[in-house]
Amino acid sequence: MQICPALNIQQKQKVTFHVRDNLLRDSANFTIQIRDPVVRTISGKYMGDSSYTVSLESNRTGTHLLQYFVGGVEAPDSPFLVKV
């Protein structure tokens, strides 16, 4: 597993992910878990048209594990690492 190069997150910086469900499910339960090292679960907000947003921030520097789930099932390309 490698650190995701697309994410350059600063400590205490709010980051918002925009996600589109390719299966076009409306109102699926979309959540993200971040381990920094405390495990926190953040629910996504349904935006319509099978799209979701979820915002998070970390107060701790280091490399953190980020996992995302749809309907309680971990997505195929999850987890990935982000550096704060």
N, C-alpha and C. Protein backbone atom coordinates (compact mmCIF):
# COMPACT_ATOMS: atom_id res chain seq x y z
N MET A 1 0.85 -1.17 0.00
CA MET A 1 0.00 0.00 0.00
C MET A 1 0.90 1.23 0.00
N GLN A 2 0.58 2.20 -0.86
CA GLN A 2 1.37 3.41 -0.97
C GLN A 2 0.55 4.61 -0.52
N ILE A 3 1.26 5.69 -0.24
CA ILE A 3 0.59 6.94 0.14
C ILE A 3 -0.03 7.54 -1.11
N CYS A 4 -1.26 7.97 -1.01
CA CYS A 4 -1.96 8.59 -2.13
C CYS A 4 -1.31 9.93 -2.46
N PRO A 5 -0.66 10.07 -3.64
CA PRO A 5 0.05 11.30 -3.96
C PRO A 5 -0.88 12.48 -4.26
N ALA A 6 -2.14 12.20 -4.55
CA ALA A 6 -3.07 13.28 -4.89
C ALA A 6 -3.52 14.08 -3.66
N LEU A 7 -3.30 13.53 -2.48
CA LEU A 7 -3.74 14.20 -1.26
C LEU A 7 -2.55 14.80 -0.52
N ASN A 8 -2.57 16.09 -0.36
CA ASN A 8 -1.56 16.81 0.41
C ASN A 8 -2.31 17.54 1.51
N ILE A 9 -2.49 16.87 2.64
CA ILE A 9 -3.33 17.39 3.71
C ILE A 9 -2.47 18.01 4.80
N GLN A 10 -2.85 19.20 5.21
CA GLN A 10 -2.18 19.87 6.31
C GLN A 10 -2.93 19.57 7.60
N GLN A 11 -2.21 19.57 8.71
CA GLN A 11 -2.82 19.33 10.00
C GLN A 11 -3.95 20.33 10.24
N LYS A 12 -5.10 19.84 10.72
CA LYS A 12 -6.31 20.63 11.01
C LYS A 12 -6.96 21.24 9.77
N GLN A 13 -6.54 20.83 8.56
CA GLN A 13 -7.15 21.30 7.33
C GLN A 13 -8.35 20.42 6.99
N LYS A 14 -9.47 21.04 6.70
CA LYS A 14 -10.67 20.29 6.34
C LYS A 14 -10.55 19.86 4.88
N VAL A 15 -10.78 18.58 4.63
CA VAL A 15 -10.73 18.02 3.28
C VAL A 15 -12.09 17.43 2.96
N THR A 16 -12.61 17.74 1.79
CA THR A 16 -13.90 17.23 1.37
C THR A 16 -13.72 16.32 0.17
N PHE A 17 -14.28 15.12 0.27
CA PHE A 17 -14.28 14.16 -0.82
C PHE A 17 -15.63 14.19 -1.51
N HIS A 18 -15.61 14.16 -2.83
CA HIS A 18 -16.83 14.08 -3.63
C HIS A 18 -16.81 12.71 -4.31
N VAL A 19 -17.84 11.93 -4.07
CA VAL A 19 -17.88 10.54 -4.53
C VAL A 19 -19.15 10.31 -5.34
N ARG A 20 -19.00 9.59 -6.44
CA ARG A 20 -20.17 9.20 -7.25
C ARG A 20 -20.24 7.69 -7.25
N ASP A 21 -21.39 7.16 -6.91
CA ASP A 21 -21.61 5.73 -6.87
C ASP A 21 -21.85 5.23 -8.30
N ASN A 22 -20.93 4.43 -8.82
CA ASN A 22 -21.06 3.91 -10.19
C ASN A 22 -22.25 2.97 -10.36
N LEU A 23 -22.74 2.41 -9.27
CA LEU A 23 -23.92 1.54 -9.36
C LEU A 23 -25.23 2.33 -9.30
N LEU A 24 -25.09 3.67 -9.21
CA LEU A 24 -26.23 4.59 -9.25
C LEU A 24 -27.28 4.33 -8.18
N ARG A 25 -26.81 3.94 -7.00
CA ARG A 25 -27.74 3.75 -5.88
C ARG A 25 -28.04 5.10 -5.25
N ASP A 26 -29.29 5.36 -5.00
CA ASP A 26 -29.68 6.59 -4.31
C ASP A 26 -29.72 6.32 -2.81
N SER A 27 -29.16 7.22 -2.06
CA SER A 27 -29.17 7.16 -0.60
C SER A 27 -28.53 5.90 -0.03
N ALA A 28 -27.45 5.43 -0.63
CA ALA A 28 -26.68 4.34 -0.03
C ALA A 28 -25.97 4.88 1.20
N ASN A 29 -25.67 4.04 2.14
CA ASN A 29 -24.97 4.46 3.35
C ASN A 29 -23.48 4.56 3.02
N PHE A 30 -22.95 5.77 2.85
CA PHE A 30 -21.56 6.00 2.49
C PHE A 30 -20.82 6.53 3.72
N THR A 31 -19.74 5.85 4.12
CA THR A 31 -18.96 6.28 5.28
C THR A 31 -17.47 6.17 4.98
N ILE A 32 -16.71 6.98 5.68
CA ILE A 32 -15.24 6.93 5.63
C ILE A 32 -14.76 6.70 7.06
N GLN A 33 -13.76 5.83 7.20
CA GLN A 33 -13.08 5.65 8.48
C GLN A 33 -11.65 6.14 8.32
N ILE A 34 -11.20 6.95 9.27
CA ILE A 34 -9.81 7.39 9.29
C ILE A 34 -9.20 6.88 10.60
N ARG A 35 -8.00 6.36 10.50
CA ARG A 35 -7.26 5.88 11.67
C ARG A 35 -6.04 6.77 11.83
N ASP A 36 -6.05 7.57 12.89
CA ASP A 36 -4.97 8.55 13.04
C ASP A 36 -4.40 8.68 14.46
N PRO A 37 -4.14 7.75 15.27
CA PRO A 37 -4.45 6.34 15.26
C PRO A 37 -5.84 6.01 15.79
N VAL A 38 -6.56 6.99 16.34
CA VAL A 38 -7.92 6.76 16.81
C VAL A 38 -8.81 6.52 15.59
N VAL A 39 -9.70 5.54 15.67
CA VAL A 39 -10.61 5.25 14.56
C VAL A 39 -11.83 6.15 14.67
N ARG A 40 -12.08 6.90 13.61
CA ARG A 40 -13.27 7.75 13.55
C ARG A 40 -14.04 7.41 12.29
N THR A 41 -15.36 7.37 12.38
CA THR A 41 -16.21 7.11 11.24
C THR A 41 -17.01 8.36 10.93
N ILE A 42 -16.97 8.78 9.67
CA ILE A 42 -17.67 9.98 9.24
C ILE A 42 -18.66 9.57 8.15
N SER A 43 -19.91 9.96 8.30
CA SER A 43 -20.94 9.63 7.32
C SER A 43 -20.94 10.64 6.18
N GLY A 44 -21.18 10.13 4.99
CA GLY A 44 -21.29 10.99 3.82
C GLY A 44 -22.66 11.63 3.75
N LYS A 45 -22.74 12.74 3.05
CA LYS A 45 -24.00 13.43 2.85
C LYS A 45 -24.45 13.18 1.42
N TYR A 46 -25.68 12.69 1.26
CA TYR A 46 -26.21 12.42 -0.07
C TYR A 46 -26.54 13.74 -0.75
N MET A 47 -26.03 13.92 -1.98
CA MET A 47 -26.20 15.17 -2.71
C MET A 47 -27.17 15.04 -3.88
N GLY A 48 -27.74 13.84 -4.08
CA GLY A 48 -28.60 13.59 -5.23
C GLY A 48 -27.79 13.02 -6.38
N ASP A 49 -28.46 12.44 -7.34
CA ASP A 49 -27.82 11.89 -8.54
C ASP A 49 -26.70 10.90 -8.20
N SER A 50 -26.90 10.09 -7.17
CA SER A 50 -25.93 9.06 -6.73
C SER A 50 -24.58 9.65 -6.32
N SER A 51 -24.56 10.90 -5.87
CA SER A 51 -23.33 11.57 -5.45
C SER A 51 -23.36 11.86 -3.95
N TYR A 52 -22.18 11.82 -3.35
CA TYR A 52 -22.03 12.02 -1.91
C TYR A 52 -20.84 12.93 -1.65
N THR A 53 -20.88 13.63 -0.54
CA THR A 53 -19.70 14.36 -0.07
C THR A 53 -19.46 13.95 1.39
N VAL A 54 -18.20 13.97 1.76
CA VAL A 54 -17.83 13.72 3.15
C VAL A 54 -16.61 14.58 3.45
N SER A 55 -16.63 15.25 4.60
CA SER A 55 -15.53 16.12 5.00
C SER A 55 -14.88 15.58 6.26
N LEU A 56 -13.57 15.72 6.32
CA LEU A 56 -12.85 15.27 7.51
C LEU A 56 -11.60 16.12 7.70
N GLU A 57 -11.06 16.03 8.90
CA GLU A 57 -9.79 16.68 9.21
C GLU A 57 -9.09 15.85 10.28
N SER A 58 -7.78 16.02 10.36
CA SER A 58 -7.00 15.31 11.37
C SER A 58 -6.15 16.31 12.14
N ASN A 59 -6.13 16.13 13.44
CA ASN A 59 -5.30 16.98 14.28
C ASN A 59 -3.91 16.38 14.50
N ARG A 60 -3.68 15.20 13.95
CA ARG A 60 -2.42 14.49 14.17
C ARG A 60 -1.62 14.37 12.89
N THR A 61 -0.33 14.65 12.96
CA THR A 61 0.52 14.48 11.80
C THR A 61 0.94 13.02 11.67
N GLY A 62 1.33 12.64 10.48
CA GLY A 62 1.77 11.27 10.23
C GLY A 62 1.03 10.66 9.06
N THR A 63 1.18 9.37 8.90
CA THR A 63 0.52 8.63 7.83
C THR A 63 -0.69 7.91 8.42
N HIS A 64 -1.85 8.11 7.81
CA HIS A 64 -3.10 7.58 8.33
C HIS A 64 -3.77 6.68 7.30
N LEU A 65 -4.47 5.68 7.80
CA LEU A 65 -5.23 4.77 6.96
C LEU A 65 -6.63 5.33 6.75
N LEU A 66 -7.05 5.38 5.50
CA LEU A 66 -8.38 5.88 5.15
C LEU A 66 -9.12 4.77 4.40
N GLN A 67 -10.28 4.39 4.93
CA GLN A 67 -11.09 3.35 4.32
C GLN A 67 -12.45 3.93 4.00
N TYR A 68 -13.05 3.48 2.90
CA TYR A 68 -14.41 3.93 2.65
C TYR A 68 -15.32 2.77 2.32
N PHE A 69 -16.58 2.94 2.73
CA PHE A 69 -17.58 1.88 2.69
C PHE A 69 -18.85 2.40 2.05
N VAL A 70 -19.51 1.54 1.29
CA VAL A 70 -20.82 1.85 0.73
C VAL A 70 -21.75 0.72 1.15
N GLY A 71 -22.81 1.07 1.83
CA GLY A 71 -23.73 0.06 2.32
C GLY A 71 -23.09 -0.90 3.30
N GLY A 72 -22.08 -0.44 4.04
CA GLY A 72 -21.40 -1.26 5.03
C GLY A 72 -20.33 -2.17 4.45
N VAL A 73 -20.14 -2.15 3.12
CA VAL A 73 -19.15 -3.00 2.45
C VAL A 73 -17.99 -2.11 2.00
N GLU A 74 -16.77 -2.54 2.33
CA GLU A 74 -15.60 -1.75 1.93
C GLU A 74 -15.46 -1.73 0.41
N ALA A 75 -15.21 -0.56 -0.15
CA ALA A 75 -15.06 -0.40 -1.60
C ALA A 75 -13.83 -1.15 -2.10
N PRO A 76 -13.84 -1.62 -3.35
CA PRO A 76 -12.75 -2.44 -3.88
C PRO A 76 -11.37 -1.79 -3.83
N ASP A 77 -11.26 -0.48 -4.03
CA ASP A 77 -9.94 0.16 -4.04
C ASP A 77 -9.58 0.80 -2.70
N SER A 78 -10.31 0.44 -1.67
CA SER A 78 -10.04 0.90 -0.31
C SER A 78 -9.26 -0.20 0.41
N PRO A 79 -8.40 0.09 1.36
CA PRO A 79 -8.05 1.39 1.92
C PRO A 79 -6.89 2.03 1.16
N PHE A 80 -6.60 3.28 1.56
CA PHE A 80 -5.39 3.91 1.07
C PHE A 80 -4.80 4.76 2.19
N LEU A 81 -3.57 5.17 2.00
CA LEU A 81 -2.85 5.95 3.01
C LEU A 81 -2.82 7.42 2.62
N VAL A 82 -2.96 8.28 3.62
CA VAL A 82 -2.82 9.72 3.40
C VAL A 82 -1.81 10.24 4.42
N LYS A 83 -1.05 11.22 4.00
CA LYS A 83 -0.04 11.81 4.88
C LYS A 83 -0.51 13.20 5.30
N VAL A 84 -0.48 13.44 6.59
CA VAL A 84 -0.86 14.73 7.16
C VAL A 84 0.39 15.39 7.69
